[in-house]
Each structure stands twice: as C-alpha cells, then as structure tokens.
Amino acid sequence: MRANSSELTCLVLSLPFIKEQGMFILGRLPNAFNFELAYYTMCLIGMALYVPIFPQLYLYMFGQRKKYLSKLKASKAFKEFKMKKTA
C-alpha cells in the first residue's frame, strides 16, 4: 500500500510542473480532427482510475504469488519425498 500512495504522491506533486510546461500535448487545437490529447489530463484520469483499480491488481498479485509458491512448495515436497524413499 505504501507503493500506491508514493506513486500517487509523486504524480500529484508533478502535476503543476506538467501543466506549466505544457508537456506532451498531441494535436494542439485547432486541427483537422478537433482533438487534443494532453498528458496533464491523462495523468488526472489515471489518478482517478488508480483508486478503484488498485485493489483488483493487488489481489491479483497475491493470487499469482500464492499459485507460484504452492507449485514451488509442492515440487520441493515431492523431491524430498523421493529422496527419503530411495534412501
């Protein structure tokens, strides 16, 4: 959880700089498509989506860790059993 809060803190602290510099603005208006993609806006959207999506990602990571560790534990147990049986 600390990583989550530190990522969001860094992003919040960088927002004034991003807005001031006008960083990474694609397709400044007016243009043929009347479309502009600004990094500042994408950061705000990303921050808004980070909060509801983070728990799902975090729980998925724990599921993958449990799955991997159970396979590892099973393989070690099998090797030890096999070694005891042959001795």
PDB file of N, CA and C in Angstrom:
ATOM      1  N   MET A   1       0.817  -1.199   0.000  1.00  0.00           N
ATOM      2  CA  MET A   1       0.000   0.000   0.000  1.00  0.00           C
ATOM      3  C   MET A   1       0.859   1.261   0.000  1.00  0.00           C
ATOM      4  N   ARG A   2       2.062   1.167   0.581  1.00  0.00           N
ATOM      5  CA  ARG A   2       2.932   2.342   0.592  1.00  0.00           C
ATOM      6  C   ARG A   2       3.365   2.715  -0.815  1.00  0.00           C
ATOM      7  N   ALA A   3       3.574   1.717  -1.664  1.00  0.00           N
ATOM      8  CA  ALA A   3       3.980   1.999  -3.041  1.00  0.00           C
ATOM      9  C   ALA A   3       2.873   2.757  -3.772  1.00  0.00           C
ATOM     10  N   ASN A   4       1.638   2.366  -3.519  1.00  0.00           N
ATOM     11  CA  ASN A   4       0.495   3.021  -4.146  1.00  0.00           C
ATOM     12  C   ASN A   4       0.443   4.492  -3.754  1.00  0.00           C
ATOM     13  N   SER A   5       0.550   4.779  -2.485  1.00  0.00           N
ATOM     14  CA  SER A   5       0.461   6.168  -2.036  1.00  0.00           C
ATOM     15  C   SER A   5       1.658   6.983  -2.499  1.00  0.00           C
ATOM     16  N   SER A   6       2.845   6.380  -2.552  1.00  0.00           N
ATOM     17  CA  SER A   6       4.016   7.138  -3.008  1.00  0.00           C
ATOM     18  C   SER A   6       3.927   7.430  -4.506  1.00  0.00           C
ATOM     19  N   GLU A   7       3.399   6.507  -5.300  1.00  0.00           N
ATOM     20  CA  GLU A   7       3.219   6.766  -6.732  1.00  0.00           C
ATOM     21  C   GLU A   7       2.250   7.923  -6.947  1.00  0.00           C
ATOM     22  N   LEU A   8       1.137   7.882  -6.239  1.00  0.00           N
ATOM     23  CA  LEU A   8       0.148   8.948  -6.395  1.00  0.00           C
ATOM     24  C   LEU A   8       0.689  10.283  -5.877  1.00  0.00           C
ATOM     25  N   THR A   9       1.463  10.257  -4.807  1.00  0.00           N
ATOM     26  CA  THR A   9       2.053  11.489  -4.272  1.00  0.00           C
ATOM     27  C   THR A   9       3.009  12.105  -5.284  1.00  0.00           C
ATOM     28  N   CYS A  10       3.860  11.289  -5.889  1.00  0.00           N
ATOM     29  CA  CYS A  10       4.779  11.795  -6.912  1.00  0.00           C
ATOM     30  C   CYS A  10       4.024  12.390  -8.088  1.00  0.00           C
ATOM     31  N   LEU A  11       2.961  11.748  -8.483  1.00  0.00           N
ATOM     32  CA  LEU A  11       2.164  12.241  -9.602  1.00  0.00           C
ATOM     33  C   LEU A  11       1.490  13.568  -9.249  1.00  0.00           C
ATOM     34  N   VAL A  12       0.932  13.658  -8.049  1.00  0.00           N
ATOM     35  CA  VAL A  12       0.276  14.899  -7.619  1.00  0.00           C
ATOM     36  C   VAL A  12       1.287  16.042  -7.550  1.00  0.00           C
ATOM     37  N   LEU A  13       2.475  15.759  -7.034  1.00  0.00           N
ATOM     38  CA  LEU A  13       3.497  16.807  -6.924  1.00  0.00           C
ATOM     39  C   LEU A  13       4.039  17.238  -8.284  1.00  0.00           C
ATOM     40  N   SER A  14       3.955  16.371  -9.281  1.00  0.00           N
ATOM     41  CA  SER A  14       4.460  16.726 -10.607  1.00  0.00           C
ATOM     42  C   SER A  14       3.412  17.424 -11.477  1.00  0.00           C
ATOM     43  N   LEU A  15       2.160  17.375 -11.090  1.00  0.00           N
ATOM     44  CA  LEU A  15       1.097  17.972 -11.905  1.00  0.00           C
ATOM     45  C   LEU A  15       1.294  19.464 -12.190  1.00  0.00           C
ATOM     46  N   PRO A  16       1.659  20.298 -11.212  1.00  0.00           N
ATOM     47  CA  PRO A  16       1.867  21.721 -11.536  1.00  0.00           C
ATOM     48  C   PRO A  16       2.968  21.924 -12.585  1.00  0.00           C
ATOM     49  N   PHE A  17       4.037  21.166 -12.491  1.00  0.00           N
ATOM     50  CA  PHE A  17       5.126  21.273 -13.463  1.00  0.00           C
ATOM     51  C   PHE A  17       4.663  20.844 -14.851  1.00  0.00           C
ATOM     52  N   ILE A  18       3.916  19.762 -14.909  1.00  0.00           N
ATOM     53  CA  ILE A  18       3.414  19.259 -16.195  1.00  0.00           C
ATOM     54  C   ILE A  18       2.498  20.292 -16.845  1.00  0.00           C
ATOM     55  N   LYS A  19       1.628  20.893 -16.045  1.00  0.00           N
ATOM     56  CA  LYS A  19       0.695  21.888 -16.592  1.00  0.00           C
ATOM     57  C   LYS A  19       1.433  23.157 -17.023  1.00  0.00           C
ATOM     58  N   GLU A  20       2.387  23.595 -16.219  1.00  0.00           N
ATOM     59  CA  GLU A  20       3.142  24.808 -16.518  1.00  0.00           C
ATOM     60  C   GLU A  20       3.965  24.660 -17.802  1.00  0.00           C
ATOM     61  N   GLN A  21       4.591  23.517 -17.978  1.00  0.00           N
ATOM     62  CA  GLN A  21       5.430  23.283 -19.146  1.00  0.00           C
ATOM     63  C   GLN A  21       4.640  22.912 -20.394  1.00  0.00           C
ATOM     64  N   GLY A  22       3.392  22.493 -20.209  1.00  0.00           N
ATOM     65  CA  GLY A  22       2.592  22.050 -21.350  1.00  0.00           C
ATOM     66  C   GLY A  22       3.189  20.801 -21.986  1.00  0.00           C
ATOM     67  N   MET A  23       3.603  19.878 -21.142  1.00  0.00           N
ATOM     68  CA  MET A  23       4.324  18.694 -21.611  1.00  0.00           C
ATOM     69  C   MET A  23       3.434  17.742 -22.403  1.00  0.00           C
ATOM     70  N   PHE A  24       3.985  17.214 -23.467  1.00  0.00           N
ATOM     71  CA  PHE A  24       3.407  16.112 -24.245  1.00  0.00           C
ATOM     72  C   PHE A  24       1.958  16.348 -24.653  1.00  0.00           C
ATOM     73  N   ILE A  25       1.708  17.468 -25.277  1.00  0.00           N
ATOM     74  CA  ILE A  25       0.372  17.727 -25.807  1.00  0.00           C
ATOM     75  C   ILE A  25       0.381  17.335 -27.276  1.00  0.00           C
ATOM     76  N   LEU A  26      -0.444  16.385 -27.631  1.00  0.00           N
ATOM     77  CA  LEU A  26      -0.516  15.895 -29.008  1.00  0.00           C
ATOM     78  C   LEU A  26      -1.714  16.520 -29.705  1.00  0.00           C
ATOM     79  N   GLY A  27      -1.493  17.049 -30.874  1.00  0.00           N
ATOM     80  CA  GLY A  27      -2.585  17.580 -31.689  1.00  0.00           C
ATOM     81  C   GLY A  27      -3.196  18.831 -31.116  1.00  0.00           C
ATOM     82  N   ARG A  28      -2.384  19.865 -30.928  1.00  0.00           N
ATOM     83  CA  ARG A  28      -2.935  21.111 -30.375  1.00  0.00           C
ATOM     84  C   ARG A  28      -4.087  21.628 -31.241  1.00  0.00           C
ATOM     85  N   LEU A  29      -5.107  22.116 -30.552  1.00  0.00           N
ATOM     86  CA  LEU A  29      -6.274  22.646 -31.256  1.00  0.00           C
ATOM     87  C   LEU A  29      -5.965  24.025 -31.809  1.00  0.00           C
ATOM     88  N   PRO A  30      -6.546  24.475 -32.840  1.00  0.00           N
ATOM     89  CA  PRO A  30      -7.443  23.788 -33.763  1.00  0.00           C
ATOM     90  C   PRO A  30      -6.657  22.902 -34.735  1.00  0.00           C
ATOM     91  N   ASN A  31      -7.239  21.783 -35.042  1.00  0.00           N
ATOM     92  CA  ASN A  31      -6.670  20.889 -36.041  1.00  0.00           C
ATOM     93  C   ASN A  31      -7.810  20.244 -36.822  1.00  0.00           C
ATOM     94  N   ALA A  32      -7.469  19.419 -37.781  1.00  0.00           N
ATOM     95  CA  ALA A  32      -8.485  18.836 -38.681  1.00  0.00           C
ATOM     96  C   ALA A  32      -9.462  17.927 -37.941  1.00  0.00           C
ATOM     97  N   PHE A  33      -9.008  17.299 -36.871  1.00  0.00           N
ATOM     98  CA  PHE A  33      -9.865  16.338 -36.160  1.00  0.00           C
ATOM     99  C   PHE A  33     -10.553  16.928 -34.925  1.00  0.00           C
ATOM    100  N   ASN A  34     -10.221  18.180 -34.576  1.00  0.00           N
ATOM    101  CA  ASN A  34     -10.731  18.818 -33.362  1.00  0.00           C
ATOM    102  C   ASN A  34     -10.520  17.921 -32.139  1.00  0.00           C
ATOM    103  N   PHE A  35      -9.294  17.432 -32.010  1.00  0.00           N
ATOM    104  CA  PHE A  35      -8.950  16.506 -30.930  1.00  0.00           C
ATOM    105  C   PHE A  35      -7.594  16.893 -30.363  1.00  0.00           C
ATOM    106  N   GLU A  36      -7.521  16.890 -29.042  1.00  0.00           N
ATOM    107  CA  GLU A  36      -6.261  17.197 -28.382  1.00  0.00           C
ATOM    108  C   GLU A  36      -6.079  16.206 -27.234  1.00  0.00           C
ATOM    109  N   LEU A  37      -4.885  15.680 -27.108  1.00  0.00           N
ATOM    110  CA  LEU A  37      -4.575  14.745 -26.035  1.00  0.00           C
ATOM    111  C   LEU A  37      -3.465  15.359 -25.198  1.00  0.00           C
ATOM    112  N   ALA A  38      -3.784  15.716 -23.971  1.00  0.00           N
ATOM    113  CA  ALA A  38      -2.817  16.360 -23.088  1.00  0.00           C
ATOM    114  C   ALA A  38      -2.381  15.384 -21.992  1.00  0.00           C
ATOM    115  N   TYR A  39      -1.093  15.368 -21.727  1.00  0.00           N
ATOM    116  CA  TYR A  39      -0.523  14.494 -20.696  1.00  0.00           C
ATOM    117  C   TYR A  39      -1.099  14.838 -19.323  1.00  0.00           C
ATOM    118  N   TYR A  40      -1.312  16.101 -19.066  1.00  0.00           N
ATOM    119  CA  TYR A  40      -1.882  16.542 -17.792  1.00  0.00           C
ATOM    120  C   TYR A  40      -3.254  15.903 -17.570  1.00  0.00           C
ATOM    121  N   THR A  41      -4.090  15.928 -18.585  1.00  0.00           N
ATOM    122  CA  THR A  41      -5.426  15.333 -18.489  1.00  0.00           C
ATOM    123  C   THR A  41      -5.336  13.827 -18.302  1.00  0.00           C
ATOM    124  N   MET A  42      -4.420  13.193 -19.027  1.00  0.00           N
ATOM    125  CA  MET A  42      -4.240  11.752 -18.891  1.00  0.00           C
ATOM    126  C   MET A  42      -3.772  11.384 -17.483  1.00  0.00           C
ATOM    127  N   CYS A  43      -2.930  12.216 -16.890  1.00  0.00           N
ATOM    128  CA  CYS A  43      -2.488  11.971 -15.508  1.00  0.00           C
ATOM    129  C   CYS A  43      -3.666  12.055 -14.543  1.00  0.00           C
ATOM    130  N   LEU A  44      -4.530  13.049 -14.737  1.00  0.00           N
ATOM    131  CA  LEU A  44      -5.708  13.180 -13.872  1.00  0.00           C
ATOM    132  C   LEU A  44      -6.636  11.979 -14.020  1.00  0.00           C
ATOM    133  N   ILE A  45      -6.843  11.540 -15.246  1.00  0.00           N
ATOM    134  CA  ILE A  45      -7.694  10.369 -15.483  1.00  0.00           C
ATOM    135  C   ILE A  45      -7.057   9.127 -14.866  1.00  0.00           C
ATOM    136  N   GLY A  46      -5.749   8.998 -15.048  1.00  0.00           N
ATOM    137  CA  GLY A  46      -5.037   7.856 -14.465  1.00  0.00           C
ATOM    138  C   GLY A  46      -5.128   7.830 -12.951  1.00  0.00           C
ATOM    139  N   MET A  47      -5.018   8.994 -12.326  1.00  0.00           N
ATOM    140  CA  MET A  47      -5.141   9.064 -10.864  1.00  0.00           C
ATOM    141  C   MET A  47      -6.540   8.680 -10.421  1.00  0.00           C
ATOM    142  N   ALA A  48      -7.537   9.131 -11.155  1.00  0.00           N
ATOM    143  CA  ALA A  48      -8.924   8.811 -10.799  1.00  0.00           C
ATOM    144  C   ALA A  48      -9.192   7.313 -10.949  1.00  0.00           C
ATOM    145  N   LEU A  49      -8.613   6.694 -11.967  1.00  0.00           N
ATOM    146  CA  LEU A  49      -8.830   5.261 -12.194  1.00  0.00           C
ATOM    147  C   LEU A  49      -7.966   4.389 -11.288  1.00  0.00           C
ATOM    148  N   TYR A  50      -6.873   4.933 -10.812  1.00  0.00           N
ATOM    149  CA  TYR A  50      -5.937   4.160  -9.986  1.00  0.00           C
ATOM    150  C   TYR A  50      -6.586   3.692  -8.688  1.00  0.00           C
ATOM    151  N   VAL A  51      -7.400   4.539  -8.121  1.00  0.00           N
ATOM    152  CA  VAL A  51      -8.011   4.226  -6.825  1.00  0.00           C
ATOM    153  C   VAL A  51      -8.956   3.012  -6.906  1.00  0.00           C
ATOM    154  N   PRO A  52      -9.909   2.942  -7.842  1.00  0.00           N
ATOM    155  CA  PRO A  52     -10.770   1.762  -7.865  1.00  0.00           C
ATOM    156  C   PRO A  52     -10.116   0.516  -8.466  1.00  0.00           C
ATOM    157  N   ILE A  53      -9.103   0.688  -9.305  1.00  0.00           N
ATOM    158  CA  ILE A  53      -8.480  -0.462  -9.957  1.00  0.00           C
ATOM    159  C   ILE A  53      -7.389  -1.089  -9.104  1.00  0.00           C
ATOM    160  N   PHE A  54      -6.740  -0.314  -8.248  1.00  0.00           N
ATOM    161  CA  PHE A  54      -5.604  -0.812  -7.477  1.00  0.00           C
ATOM    162  C   PHE A  54      -5.926  -2.045  -6.636  1.00  0.00           C
ATOM    163  N   PRO A  55      -7.041  -2.111  -5.902  1.00  0.00           N
ATOM    164  CA  PRO A  55      -7.310  -3.312  -5.112  1.00  0.00           C
ATOM    165  C   PRO A  55      -7.392  -4.586  -5.959  1.00  0.00           C
ATOM    166  N   GLN A  56      -7.962  -4.477  -7.148  1.00  0.00           N
ATOM    167  CA  GLN A  56      -8.037  -5.645  -8.028  1.00  0.00           C
ATOM    168  C   GLN A  56      -6.636  -6.099  -8.445  1.00  0.00           C
ATOM    169  N   LEU A  57      -5.785  -5.155  -8.792  1.00  0.00           N
ATOM    170  CA  LEU A  57      -4.421  -5.502  -9.184  1.00  0.00           C
ATOM    171  C   LEU A  57      -3.654  -6.109  -8.015  1.00  0.00           C
ATOM    172  N   TYR A  58      -3.843  -5.549  -6.839  1.00  0.00           N
ATOM    173  CA  TYR A  58      -3.144  -6.004  -5.641  1.00  0.00           C
ATOM    174  C   TYR A  58      -3.566  -7.435  -5.279  1.00  0.00           C
ATOM    175  N   LEU A  59      -4.873  -7.690  -5.324  1.00  0.00           N
ATOM    176  CA  LEU A  59      -5.363  -9.031  -5.013  1.00  0.00           C
ATOM    177  C   LEU A  59      -4.957 -10.040  -6.087  1.00  0.00           C
ATOM    178  N   TYR A  60      -4.911  -9.618  -7.332  1.00  0.00           N
ATOM    179  CA  TYR A  60      -4.455 -10.495  -8.400  1.00  0.00           C
ATOM    180  C   TYR A  60      -2.993 -10.889  -8.171  1.00  0.00           C
ATOM    181  N   MET A  61      -2.178  -9.920  -7.748  1.00  0.00           N
ATOM    182  CA  MET A  61      -0.773 -10.199  -7.457  1.00  0.00           C
ATOM    183  C   MET A  61      -0.649 -11.232  -6.339  1.00  0.00           C
ATOM    184  N   PHE A  62      -1.449 -11.109  -5.303  1.00  0.00           N
ATOM    185  CA  PHE A  62      -1.405 -12.084  -4.217  1.00  0.00           C
ATOM    186  C   PHE A  62      -1.832 -13.469  -4.691  1.00  0.00           C
ATOM    187  N   GLY A  63      -2.831 -13.530  -5.556  1.00  0.00           N
ATOM    188  CA  GLY A  63      -3.266 -14.809  -6.113  1.00  0.00           C
ATOM    189  C   GLY A  63      -2.161 -15.471  -6.923  1.00  0.00           C
ATOM    190  N   GLN A  64      -1.474 -14.674  -7.749  1.00  0.00           N
ATOM    191  CA  GLN A  64      -0.378 -15.213  -8.554  1.00  0.00           C
ATOM    192  C   GLN A  64       0.774 -15.672  -7.665  1.00  0.00           C
ATOM    193  N   ARG A  65       1.057 -14.923  -6.617  1.00  0.00           N
ATOM    194  CA  ARG A  65       2.128 -15.303  -5.689  1.00  0.00           C
ATOM    195  C   ARG A  65       1.789 -16.615  -4.989  1.00  0.00           C
ATOM    196  N   LYS A  66       0.545 -16.745  -4.554  1.00  0.00           N
ATOM    197  CA  LYS A  66       0.115 -17.970  -3.878  1.00  0.00           C
ATOM    198  C   LYS A  66       0.200 -19.167  -4.823  1.00  0.00           C
ATOM    199  N   LYS A  67      -0.219 -18.969  -6.060  1.00  0.00           N
ATOM    200  CA  LYS A  67      -0.175 -20.031  -7.053  1.00  0.00           C
ATOM    201  C   LYS A  67       1.274 -20.477  -7.311  1.00  0.00           C
ATOM    202  N   TYR A  68       2.167 -19.537  -7.464  1.00  0.00           N
ATOM    203  CA  TYR A  68       3.572 -19.853  -7.727  1.00  0.00           C
ATOM    204  C   TYR A  68       4.217 -20.542  -6.527  1.00  0.00           C
ATOM    205  N   LEU A  69       3.974 -20.002  -5.341  1.00  0.00           N
ATOM    206  CA  LEU A  69       4.589 -20.575  -4.143  1.00  0.00           C
ATOM    207  C   LEU A  69       4.036 -21.966  -3.837  1.00  0.00           C
ATOM    208  N   SER A  70       2.764 -22.206  -4.132  1.00  0.00           N
ATOM    209  CA  SER A  70       2.214 -23.539  -3.885  1.00  0.00           C
ATOM    210  C   SER A  70       2.841 -24.559  -4.837  1.00  0.00           C
ATOM    211  N   LYS A  71       3.083 -24.160  -6.085  1.00  0.00           N
ATOM    212  CA  LYS A  71       3.760 -25.053  -7.026  1.00  0.00           C
ATOM    213  C   LYS A  71       5.191 -25.323  -6.574  1.00  0.00           C
ATOM    214  N   LEU A  72       5.860 -24.282  -6.108  1.00  0.00           N
ATOM    215  CA  LEU A  72       7.228 -24.432  -5.637  1.00  0.00           C
ATOM    216  C   LEU A  72       7.284 -25.331  -4.412  1.00  0.00           C
ATOM    217  N   LYS A  73       6.365 -25.135  -3.502  1.00  0.00           N
ATOM    218  CA  LYS A  73       6.308 -25.950  -2.293  1.00  0.00           C
ATOM    219  C   LYS A  73       6.015 -27.405  -2.641  1.00  0.00           C
ATOM    220  N   ALA A  74       5.102 -27.623  -3.561  1.00  0.00           N
ATOM    221  CA  ALA A  74       4.750 -28.975  -3.968  1.00  0.00           C
ATOM    222  C   ALA A  74       5.937 -29.675  -4.628  1.00  0.00           C
ATOM    223  N   SER A  75       6.671 -28.959  -5.433  1.00  0.00           N
ATOM    224  CA  SER A  75       7.806 -29.590  -6.111  1.00  0.00           C
ATOM    225  C   SER A  75       8.917 -29.922  -5.116  1.00  0.00           C
ATOM    226  N   LYS A  76       9.176 -29.068  -4.136  1.00  0.00           N
ATOM    227  CA  LYS A  76      10.183 -29.347  -3.110  1.00  0.00           C
ATOM    228  C   LYS A  76       9.759 -30.527  -2.256  1.00  0.00           C
ATOM    229  N   ALA A  77       8.497 -30.574  -1.901  1.00  0.00           N
ATOM    230  CA  ALA A  77       7.992 -31.675  -1.083  1.00  0.00           C
ATOM    231  C   ALA A  77       8.121 -32.988  -1.848  1.00  0.00           C
ATOM    232  N   PHE A  78       7.833 -32.962  -3.137  1.00  0.00           N
ATOM    233  CA  PHE A  78       7.944 -34.177  -3.940  1.00  0.00           C
ATOM    234  C   PHE A  78       9.392 -34.639  -4.012  1.00  0.00           C
ATOM    235  N   LYS A  79      10.320 -33.708  -4.179  1.00  0.00           N
ATOM    236  CA  LYS A  79      11.739 -34.069  -4.247  1.00  0.00           C
ATOM    237  C   LYS A  79      12.215 -34.668  -2.926  1.00  0.00           C
ATOM    238  N   GLU A  80      11.792 -34.074  -1.811  1.00  0.00           N
ATOM    239  CA  GLU A  80      12.199 -34.607  -0.502  1.00  0.00           C
ATOM    240  C   GLU A  80      11.604 -36.001  -0.283  1.00  0.00           C
ATOM    241  N   PHE A  81      10.361 -36.184  -0.668  1.00  0.00           N
ATOM    242  CA  PHE A  81       9.724 -37.491  -0.530  1.00  0.00           C
ATOM    243  C   PHE A  81      10.453 -38.533  -1.373  1.00  0.00           C
ATOM    244  N   LYS A  82      10.816 -38.174  -2.566  1.00  0.00           N
ATOM    245  CA  LYS A  82      11.503 -39.091  -3.454  1.00  0.00           C
ATOM    246  C   LYS A  82      12.881 -39.459  -2.882  1.00  0.00           C
ATOM    247  N   MET A  83      13.567 -38.482  -2.290  1.00  0.00           N
ATOM    248  CA  MET A  83      14.894 -38.736  -1.728  1.00  0.00           C
ATOM    249  C   MET A  83      14.796 -39.656  -0.497  1.00  0.00           C
ATOM    250  N   LYS A  84      13.786 -39.460   0.332  1.00  0.00           N
ATOM    251  CA  LYS A  84      13.592 -40.303   1.513  1.00  0.00           C
ATOM    252  C   LYS A  84      13.266 -41.735   1.105  1.00  0.00           C
ATOM    253  N   LYS A  85      12.496 -41.869   0.048  1.00  0.00           N
ATOM    254  CA  LYS A  85      12.057 -43.188  -0.400  1.00  0.00           C
ATOM    255  C   LYS A  85      13.237 -44.000  -0.935  1.00  0.00           C
ATOM    256  N   THR A  86      14.156 -43.346  -1.631  1.00  0.00           N
ATOM    257  CA  THR A  86      15.306 -44.053  -2.198  1.00  0.00           C
ATOM    258  C   THR A  86      16.378 -44.342  -1.158  1.00  0.00           C
ATOM    259  N   ALA A  87      16.421 -43.609  -0.066  1.00  0.00           N
ATOM    260  CA  ALA A  87      17.466 -43.815   0.952  1.00  0.00           C
ATOM    261  C   ALA A  87      17.171 -44.954   1.885  1.00  0.00           C
TER     262      ALA A  87
END
